[in-house]
Amino acid sequence: MTPKGEHLFPELNKARYGESRCLHPLFLPALLERESHDQRFKGIDQDHAYEIICKWADIESKGKLDPMKETNLEGEFCKDIFGDALGYTLFSEDKDQWNFQQKYFVNGGHADAAIGVFYSDRKPQVRAVMELKGPTVNIDKDRFNGRTPVQQC
């Protein structure tokens, strides 16, 4: 819940924008419920991560994200969420290896970001690639070559 007492994901089974074609939840409700009781990470780091997530949830609740494009948000969003909240090491931390890379090249173009182990002097070990979408994009709606953004990934 946000500090205002609102749920971060009030409607787990419906699309936020546009037509609600896909009714499967992005996060499994039973898994969310079970994991919400895990206290292994309780403390300052979790509290800080929670503040960051709530900040973005509040910005969205106020409608401030609606007029923004993905490209306007992705730098701040990625640093806040993946760097500060989730603790991924970023290239800008000037370490021998890092775990989060924006604009990662994949066959056929660039993914918005990737998670893995990245090095300056050898091939990375990529674990996941990400395609970010703007706040009003319905990710279940066909957008490109008859595929949804989810299918594009």
N, C-alpha and C. Protein backbone atom coordinates (compact mmCIF):
# COMPACT_ATOMS: atom_id res chain seq x y z
N MET A 1 0.83 -1.18 0.00
CA MET A 1 0.00 0.00 0.00
C MET A 1 0.88 1.25 0.00
N THR A 2 0.37 2.28 -0.61
CA THR A 2 1.08 3.55 -0.62
C THR A 2 0.87 4.24 0.72
N PRO A 3 1.66 5.28 1.02
CA PRO A 3 1.44 6.01 2.27
C PRO A 3 0.02 6.57 2.39
N LYS A 4 -0.65 6.76 1.25
CA LYS A 4 -2.02 7.27 1.27
C LYS A 4 -3.04 6.16 1.51
N GLY A 5 -2.57 4.93 1.70
CA GLY A 5 -3.46 3.82 1.94
C GLY A 5 -4.04 3.19 0.69
N GLU A 6 -3.50 3.55 -0.47
CA GLU A 6 -3.98 2.99 -1.73
C GLU A 6 -3.14 1.78 -2.10
N HIS A 7 -3.74 0.82 -2.77
CA HIS A 7 -3.00 -0.34 -3.24
C HIS A 7 -2.16 0.05 -4.44
N LEU A 8 -0.93 -0.48 -4.53
CA LEU A 8 -0.08 -0.21 -5.69
C LEU A 8 -0.66 -0.85 -6.94
N PHE A 9 -1.30 -2.00 -6.80
CA PHE A 9 -1.87 -2.72 -7.93
C PHE A 9 -3.33 -3.03 -7.63
N PRO A 10 -4.22 -2.01 -7.67
CA PRO A 10 -5.60 -2.22 -7.24
C PRO A 10 -6.39 -3.19 -8.11
N GLU A 11 -6.06 -3.28 -9.37
CA GLU A 11 -6.81 -4.17 -10.27
C GLU A 11 -5.82 -5.08 -10.98
N LEU A 12 -5.45 -6.16 -10.32
CA LEU A 12 -4.43 -7.04 -10.86
C LEU A 12 -4.83 -7.72 -12.17
N ASN A 13 -6.10 -7.84 -12.47
CA ASN A 13 -6.52 -8.63 -13.61
C ASN A 13 -7.07 -7.81 -14.77
N LYS A 14 -6.85 -6.49 -14.78
CA LYS A 14 -7.38 -5.67 -15.87
C LYS A 14 -6.30 -4.76 -16.43
N ALA A 15 -6.40 -4.47 -17.71
CA ALA A 15 -5.48 -3.52 -18.32
C ALA A 15 -5.80 -2.12 -17.80
N ARG A 16 -4.77 -1.33 -17.58
CA ARG A 16 -4.96 0.02 -17.02
C ARG A 16 -5.54 0.97 -18.07
N TYR A 17 -5.14 0.81 -19.31
CA TYR A 17 -5.57 1.72 -20.36
C TYR A 17 -6.11 0.92 -21.54
N GLY A 18 -7.02 1.52 -22.28
CA GLY A 18 -7.50 0.90 -23.50
C GLY A 18 -8.39 -0.29 -23.23
N GLU A 19 -8.49 -1.16 -24.22
CA GLU A 19 -9.35 -2.33 -24.09
C GLU A 19 -8.70 -3.38 -23.20
N SER A 20 -9.49 -4.07 -22.45
CA SER A 20 -8.99 -5.07 -21.51
C SER A 20 -9.01 -6.45 -22.15
N ARG A 21 -8.24 -6.63 -23.21
CA ARG A 21 -8.26 -7.88 -23.95
C ARG A 21 -7.69 -9.04 -23.14
N CYS A 22 -6.57 -8.83 -22.51
CA CYS A 22 -5.93 -9.88 -21.73
C CYS A 22 -6.34 -9.71 -20.27
N LEU A 23 -6.93 -10.74 -19.70
CA LEU A 23 -7.39 -10.64 -18.33
C LEU A 23 -6.54 -11.43 -17.35
N HIS A 24 -5.36 -11.84 -17.78
CA HIS A 24 -4.46 -12.56 -16.89
C HIS A 24 -3.63 -11.55 -16.11
N PRO A 25 -3.46 -11.77 -14.80
CA PRO A 25 -2.69 -10.81 -14.01
C PRO A 25 -1.21 -10.85 -14.39
N LEU A 26 -0.57 -9.69 -14.33
CA LEU A 26 0.86 -9.62 -14.57
C LEU A 26 1.62 -10.31 -13.44
N PHE A 27 1.13 -10.12 -12.22
CA PHE A 27 1.72 -10.76 -11.05
C PHE A 27 0.68 -11.73 -10.48
N LEU A 28 1.10 -12.91 -10.12
CA LEU A 28 0.18 -13.89 -9.55
C LEU A 28 -0.23 -13.45 -8.14
N PRO A 29 -1.52 -13.23 -7.92
CA PRO A 29 -1.98 -12.73 -6.62
C PRO A 29 -1.54 -13.58 -5.43
N ALA A 30 -1.59 -14.90 -5.56
CA ALA A 30 -1.19 -15.77 -4.44
C ALA A 30 0.30 -15.60 -4.14
N LEU A 31 1.11 -15.47 -5.18
CA LEU A 31 2.55 -15.27 -4.99
C LEU A 31 2.82 -13.92 -4.33
N LEU A 32 2.14 -12.87 -4.79
CA LEU A 32 2.30 -11.55 -4.17
C LEU A 32 1.93 -11.59 -2.69
N GLU A 33 0.83 -12.24 -2.38
CA GLU A 33 0.39 -12.33 -0.99
C GLU A 33 1.42 -13.06 -0.14
N ARG A 34 1.91 -14.20 -0.63
CA ARG A 34 2.90 -14.98 0.13
C ARG A 34 4.20 -14.19 0.31
N GLU A 35 4.69 -13.60 -0.77
CA GLU A 35 5.97 -12.90 -0.70
C GLU A 35 5.88 -11.61 0.11
N SER A 36 4.69 -11.04 0.23
CA SER A 36 4.54 -9.80 0.99
C SER A 36 4.82 -10.01 2.48
N HIS A 37 4.80 -11.25 2.93
CA HIS A 37 5.06 -11.55 4.34
C HIS A 37 6.53 -11.88 4.60
N ASP A 38 7.34 -11.95 3.56
CA ASP A 38 8.77 -12.25 3.69
C ASP A 38 9.48 -11.04 4.31
N GLN A 39 10.11 -11.23 5.43
CA GLN A 39 10.74 -10.13 6.16
C GLN A 39 12.27 -10.14 6.07
N ARG A 40 12.84 -10.96 5.17
CA ARG A 40 14.30 -11.04 5.07
C ARG A 40 14.96 -9.70 4.76
N PHE A 41 14.29 -8.86 4.02
CA PHE A 41 14.89 -7.61 3.59
C PHE A 41 14.35 -6.40 4.35
N LYS A 42 13.68 -6.67 5.45
CA LYS A 42 13.10 -5.59 6.26
C LYS A 42 14.22 -4.70 6.78
N GLY A 43 14.01 -3.42 6.74
CA GLY A 43 15.00 -2.48 7.25
C GLY A 43 15.14 -1.27 6.36
N ILE A 44 16.26 -0.59 6.50
CA ILE A 44 16.49 0.67 5.80
C ILE A 44 16.42 0.52 4.28
N ASP A 45 17.05 -0.52 3.72
CA ASP A 45 17.04 -0.69 2.27
C ASP A 45 15.62 -0.91 1.74
N GLN A 46 14.85 -1.73 2.43
CA GLN A 46 13.47 -1.98 2.00
C GLN A 46 12.63 -0.72 2.14
N ASP A 47 12.82 0.00 3.22
CA ASP A 47 12.07 1.24 3.42
C ASP A 47 12.39 2.26 2.33
N HIS A 48 13.66 2.35 1.96
CA HIS A 48 14.07 3.28 0.90
C HIS A 48 13.47 2.85 -0.44
N ALA A 49 13.52 1.56 -0.74
CA ALA A 49 12.93 1.06 -1.98
C ALA A 49 11.43 1.33 -2.01
N TYR A 50 10.77 1.13 -0.90
CA TYR A 50 9.33 1.37 -0.79
C TYR A 50 8.99 2.84 -1.06
N GLU A 51 9.80 3.74 -0.52
CA GLU A 51 9.59 5.18 -0.76
C GLU A 51 9.68 5.51 -2.25
N ILE A 52 10.65 4.91 -2.92
CA ILE A 52 10.84 5.17 -4.35
C ILE A 52 9.66 4.65 -5.15
N ILE A 53 9.23 3.43 -4.86
CA ILE A 53 8.08 2.84 -5.57
C ILE A 53 6.83 3.69 -5.32
N CYS A 54 6.62 4.10 -4.07
CA CYS A 54 5.46 4.93 -3.75
C CYS A 54 5.52 6.28 -4.45
N LYS A 55 6.73 6.84 -4.59
CA LYS A 55 6.87 8.11 -5.29
C LYS A 55 6.34 7.98 -6.72
N TRP A 56 6.76 6.91 -7.42
CA TRP A 56 6.31 6.71 -8.79
C TRP A 56 4.81 6.39 -8.84
N ALA A 57 4.31 5.65 -7.87
CA ALA A 57 2.87 5.35 -7.82
C ALA A 57 2.07 6.62 -7.60
N ASP A 58 2.56 7.51 -6.75
CA ASP A 58 1.87 8.78 -6.50
C ASP A 58 1.88 9.67 -7.74
N ILE A 59 3.00 9.72 -8.44
CA ILE A 59 3.08 10.51 -9.67
C ILE A 59 2.06 9.99 -10.68
N GLU A 60 1.96 8.66 -10.78
CA GLU A 60 0.99 8.06 -11.70
C GLU A 60 -0.44 8.36 -11.26
N SER A 61 -0.71 8.25 -9.96
CA SER A 61 -2.06 8.50 -9.43
C SER A 61 -2.53 9.92 -9.69
N LYS A 62 -1.60 10.85 -9.71
CA LYS A 62 -1.94 12.26 -9.96
C LYS A 62 -2.14 12.55 -11.45
N GLY A 63 -1.88 11.55 -12.30
CA GLY A 63 -2.04 11.74 -13.74
C GLY A 63 -0.87 12.45 -14.40
N LYS A 64 0.21 12.65 -13.68
CA LYS A 64 1.35 13.38 -14.24
C LYS A 64 2.14 12.58 -15.26
N LEU A 65 2.00 11.26 -15.24
CA LEU A 65 2.73 10.44 -16.21
C LEU A 65 2.03 10.41 -17.57
N ASP A 66 0.71 10.61 -17.58
CA ASP A 66 -0.07 10.47 -18.81
C ASP A 66 0.48 11.25 -20.00
N PRO A 67 0.85 12.52 -19.85
CA PRO A 67 1.33 13.25 -21.03
C PRO A 67 2.78 12.94 -21.40
N MET A 68 3.46 12.18 -20.58
CA MET A 68 4.88 11.91 -20.81
C MET A 68 5.08 10.75 -21.78
N LYS A 69 6.17 10.82 -22.53
CA LYS A 69 6.54 9.74 -23.43
C LYS A 69 7.57 8.85 -22.72
N GLU A 70 7.66 7.62 -23.20
CA GLU A 70 8.62 6.67 -22.63
C GLU A 70 10.02 7.25 -22.58
N THR A 71 10.46 7.88 -23.67
CA THR A 71 11.83 8.40 -23.74
C THR A 71 12.08 9.51 -22.74
N ASN A 72 11.04 10.24 -22.34
CA ASN A 72 11.20 11.29 -21.34
C ASN A 72 11.39 10.73 -19.94
N LEU A 73 10.91 9.53 -19.72
CA LEU A 73 10.89 8.95 -18.37
C LEU A 73 11.95 7.89 -18.12
N GLU A 74 12.40 7.21 -19.17
CA GLU A 74 13.16 5.98 -18.94
C GLU A 74 14.46 6.18 -18.16
N GLY A 75 15.19 7.26 -18.37
CA GLY A 75 16.43 7.47 -17.63
C GLY A 75 16.20 7.58 -16.13
N GLU A 76 15.29 8.48 -15.74
CA GLU A 76 14.99 8.66 -14.32
C GLU A 76 14.36 7.40 -13.72
N PHE A 77 13.42 6.81 -14.46
CA PHE A 77 12.73 5.62 -13.97
C PHE A 77 13.73 4.48 -13.74
N CYS A 78 14.60 4.23 -14.71
CA CYS A 78 15.56 3.13 -14.58
C CYS A 78 16.52 3.36 -13.42
N LYS A 79 17.04 4.57 -13.28
CA LYS A 79 17.96 4.85 -12.18
C LYS A 79 17.25 4.70 -10.84
N ASP A 80 16.05 5.29 -10.73
CA ASP A 80 15.31 5.20 -9.46
C ASP A 80 14.96 3.75 -9.12
N ILE A 81 14.34 3.05 -10.05
CA ILE A 81 13.82 1.71 -9.75
C ILE A 81 14.93 0.66 -9.71
N PHE A 82 15.71 0.57 -10.78
CA PHE A 82 16.70 -0.51 -10.85
C PHE A 82 17.98 -0.19 -10.07
N GLY A 83 18.40 1.06 -10.07
CA GLY A 83 19.61 1.42 -9.34
C GLY A 83 19.35 1.65 -7.86
N ASP A 84 18.51 2.64 -7.56
CA ASP A 84 18.30 3.03 -6.16
C ASP A 84 17.40 2.08 -5.37
N ALA A 85 16.28 1.66 -5.95
CA ALA A 85 15.34 0.81 -5.20
C ALA A 85 15.78 -0.65 -5.17
N LEU A 86 16.11 -1.21 -6.33
CA LEU A 86 16.44 -2.63 -6.39
C LEU A 86 17.92 -2.93 -6.20
N GLY A 87 18.76 -1.92 -6.24
CA GLY A 87 20.17 -2.10 -5.92
C GLY A 87 21.05 -2.67 -7.01
N TYR A 88 20.60 -2.62 -8.26
CA TYR A 88 21.47 -3.08 -9.35
C TYR A 88 22.63 -2.10 -9.49
N THR A 89 23.82 -2.63 -9.76
CA THR A 89 24.99 -1.80 -9.99
C THR A 89 24.90 -1.21 -11.39
N LEU A 90 25.07 0.11 -11.49
CA LEU A 90 25.01 0.80 -12.76
C LEU A 90 26.42 1.08 -13.27
N PHE A 91 26.56 1.25 -14.57
CA PHE A 91 27.85 1.56 -15.18
C PHE A 91 28.48 2.80 -14.54
N SER A 92 27.67 3.79 -14.25
CA SER A 92 28.17 5.06 -13.72
C SER A 92 28.79 4.94 -12.33
N GLU A 93 28.67 3.78 -11.70
CA GLU A 93 29.30 3.57 -10.40
C GLU A 93 30.79 3.26 -10.54
N ASP A 94 31.26 3.17 -11.79
CA ASP A 94 32.69 3.00 -12.11
C ASP A 94 33.32 1.76 -11.46
N LYS A 95 32.62 0.64 -11.61
CA LYS A 95 33.15 -0.63 -11.10
C LYS A 95 33.58 -1.50 -12.27
N ASP A 96 34.31 -2.58 -11.99
CA ASP A 96 34.78 -3.47 -13.05
C ASP A 96 33.63 -4.20 -13.74
N GLN A 97 32.55 -4.40 -13.03
CA GLN A 97 31.36 -5.01 -13.64
C GLN A 97 30.12 -4.32 -13.09
N TRP A 98 29.06 -4.39 -13.85
CA TRP A 98 27.79 -3.80 -13.45
C TRP A 98 26.67 -4.72 -13.86
N ASN A 99 25.45 -4.48 -13.35
CA ASN A 99 24.34 -5.42 -13.54
C ASN A 99 23.17 -4.88 -14.34
N PHE A 100 23.18 -3.60 -14.63
CA PHE A 100 22.07 -3.00 -15.37
C PHE A 100 22.62 -2.14 -16.48
N GLN A 101 22.13 -2.38 -17.70
CA GLN A 101 22.62 -1.64 -18.87
C GLN A 101 21.44 -1.11 -19.66
N GLN A 102 21.39 0.19 -19.89
CA GLN A 102 20.35 0.75 -20.74
C GLN A 102 20.78 0.65 -22.20
N LYS A 103 19.79 0.63 -23.11
CA LYS A 103 20.02 0.58 -24.56
C LYS A 103 20.97 -0.55 -24.94
N TYR A 104 20.55 -1.76 -24.66
CA TYR A 104 21.36 -2.94 -24.95
C TYR A 104 21.04 -3.47 -26.34
N PHE A 105 22.08 -3.71 -27.16
CA PHE A 105 21.89 -4.20 -28.52
C PHE A 105 21.50 -5.67 -28.51
N VAL A 106 20.43 -5.98 -29.23
CA VAL A 106 19.99 -7.36 -29.44
C VAL A 106 19.77 -7.54 -30.94
N ASN A 107 19.67 -8.78 -31.38
CA ASN A 107 19.41 -9.02 -32.79
C ASN A 107 18.17 -8.26 -33.22
N GLY A 108 18.31 -7.46 -34.24
CA GLY A 108 17.18 -6.73 -34.76
C GLY A 108 16.97 -5.36 -34.15
N GLY A 109 17.87 -4.91 -33.29
CA GLY A 109 17.70 -3.57 -32.73
C GLY A 109 18.25 -3.44 -31.33
N HIS A 110 17.67 -2.53 -30.60
CA HIS A 110 18.09 -2.27 -29.22
C HIS A 110 16.93 -2.50 -28.27
N ALA A 111 17.23 -3.20 -27.18
CA ALA A 111 16.27 -3.31 -26.08
C ALA A 111 16.45 -2.06 -25.22
N ASP A 112 15.42 -1.65 -24.54
CA ASP A 112 15.54 -0.46 -23.69
C ASP A 112 16.53 -0.66 -22.56
N ALA A 113 16.64 -1.88 -22.06
CA ALA A 113 17.56 -2.17 -20.97
C ALA A 113 17.79 -3.67 -20.88
N ALA A 114 18.83 -4.02 -20.14
CA ALA A 114 19.13 -5.43 -19.89
C ALA A 114 19.68 -5.58 -18.47
N ILE A 115 19.42 -6.75 -17.89
CA ILE A 115 19.95 -7.11 -16.58
C ILE A 115 20.88 -8.30 -16.80
N GLY A 116 22.01 -8.29 -16.15
CA GLY A 116 22.97 -9.38 -16.27
C GLY A 116 24.27 -8.97 -15.60
N VAL A 117 25.37 -9.52 -16.10
CA VAL A 117 26.69 -9.13 -15.63
C VAL A 117 27.42 -8.56 -16.84
N PHE A 118 27.79 -7.30 -16.76
CA PHE A 118 28.41 -6.59 -17.87
C PHE A 118 29.84 -6.21 -17.49
N TYR A 119 30.73 -6.29 -18.48
CA TYR A 119 32.14 -5.99 -18.27
C TYR A 119 32.61 -5.03 -19.36
N SER A 120 33.67 -4.29 -19.07
CA SER A 120 34.26 -3.42 -20.09
C SER A 120 35.10 -4.20 -21.08
N ASP A 121 35.64 -5.34 -20.65
CA ASP A 121 36.64 -6.04 -21.46
C ASP A 121 36.25 -7.44 -21.92
N ARG A 122 35.01 -7.85 -21.72
CA ARG A 122 34.59 -9.17 -22.20
C ARG A 122 33.09 -9.20 -22.44
N LYS A 123 32.65 -10.31 -23.01
CA LYS A 123 31.24 -10.46 -23.39
C LYS A 123 30.35 -10.50 -22.14
N PRO A 124 29.22 -9.79 -22.18
CA PRO A 124 28.32 -9.79 -21.02
C PRO A 124 27.55 -11.10 -20.88
N GLN A 125 27.07 -11.34 -19.69
CA GLN A 125 26.19 -12.48 -19.41
C GLN A 125 24.80 -11.91 -19.13
N VAL A 126 24.00 -11.81 -20.18
CA VAL A 126 22.68 -11.19 -20.08
C VAL A 126 21.67 -12.19 -19.54
N ARG A 127 20.88 -11.76 -18.57
CA ARG A 127 19.86 -12.62 -17.97
C ARG A 127 18.45 -12.24 -18.43
N ALA A 128 18.22 -10.95 -18.70
CA ALA A 128 16.90 -10.49 -19.13
C ALA A 128 17.04 -9.20 -19.91
N VAL A 129 16.20 -9.05 -20.93
CA VAL A 129 16.14 -7.78 -21.66
C VAL A 129 14.77 -7.15 -21.39
N MET A 130 14.72 -5.82 -21.48
CA MET A 130 13.48 -5.10 -21.19
C MET A 130 13.10 -4.19 -22.33
N GLU A 131 11.82 -4.10 -22.53
CA GLU A 131 11.25 -3.14 -23.47
C GLU A 131 10.28 -2.30 -22.67
N LEU A 132 10.65 -1.07 -22.40
CA LEU A 132 9.80 -0.17 -21.63
C LEU A 132 8.75 0.45 -22.54
N LYS A 133 7.61 0.73 -21.99
CA LYS A 133 6.52 1.38 -22.73
C LYS A 133 6.03 2.58 -21.93
N GLY A 134 5.49 3.55 -22.63
CA GLY A 134 4.97 4.75 -21.99
C GLY A 134 3.82 4.43 -21.06
N PRO A 135 3.49 5.36 -20.17
CA PRO A 135 2.48 5.10 -19.14
C PRO A 135 1.07 4.85 -19.65
N THR A 136 0.74 5.28 -20.85
CA THR A 136 -0.62 5.08 -21.35
C THR A 136 -0.72 3.98 -22.39
N VAL A 137 0.37 3.26 -22.62
CA VAL A 137 0.37 2.20 -23.63
C VAL A 137 -0.30 0.94 -23.06
N ASN A 138 -1.27 0.42 -23.78
CA ASN A 138 -1.90 -0.84 -23.41
C ASN A 138 -1.00 -1.95 -23.96
N ILE A 139 -0.31 -2.65 -23.09
CA ILE A 139 0.65 -3.65 -23.55
C ILE A 139 0.00 -4.92 -24.07
N ASP A 140 -1.31 -5.02 -23.95
CA ASP A 140 -2.03 -6.18 -24.48
C ASP A 140 -2.65 -5.91 -25.84
N LYS A 141 -2.49 -4.71 -26.36
CA LYS A 141 -3.10 -4.34 -27.63
C LYS A 141 -2.08 -4.46 -28.76
N ASP A 142 -2.49 -5.02 -29.90
CA ASP A 142 -1.59 -5.15 -31.04
C ASP A 142 -1.06 -3.77 -31.43
N ARG A 143 0.25 -3.66 -31.58
CA ARG A 143 0.85 -2.38 -31.90
C ARG A 143 1.82 -2.46 -33.07
N PHE A 144 2.44 -3.60 -33.30
CA PHE A 144 3.51 -3.68 -34.27
C PHE A 144 3.48 -5.04 -34.95
N ASN A 145 3.30 -5.04 -36.27
CA ASN A 145 3.29 -6.29 -37.03
C ASN A 145 2.33 -7.32 -36.46
N GLY A 146 1.19 -6.87 -35.95
CA GLY A 146 0.21 -7.80 -35.40
C GLY A 146 0.60 -8.40 -34.07
N ARG A 147 1.60 -7.81 -33.41
CA ARG A 147 2.05 -8.33 -32.11
C ARG A 147 1.86 -7.28 -31.03
N THR A 148 1.61 -7.75 -29.84
CA THR A 148 1.51 -6.84 -28.70
C THR A 148 2.93 -6.51 -28.23
N PRO A 149 3.10 -5.45 -27.44
CA PRO A 149 4.41 -5.17 -26.88
C PRO A 149 4.97 -6.34 -26.06
N VAL A 150 4.10 -7.06 -25.39
CA VAL A 150 4.56 -8.23 -24.63
C VAL A 150 5.14 -9.27 -25.58
N GLN A 151 4.46 -9.52 -26.69
CA GLN A 151 4.95 -10.49 -27.67
C GLN A 151 6.24 -10.03 -28.34
N GLN A 152 6.44 -8.72 -28.46
CA GLN A 152 7.66 -8.20 -29.07
C GLN A 152 8.89 -8.60 -28.27
N CYS A 153 8.74 -8.69 -26.96
CA CYS A 153 9.87 -9.07 -26.12
C CYS A 153 10.21 -10.53 -26.31
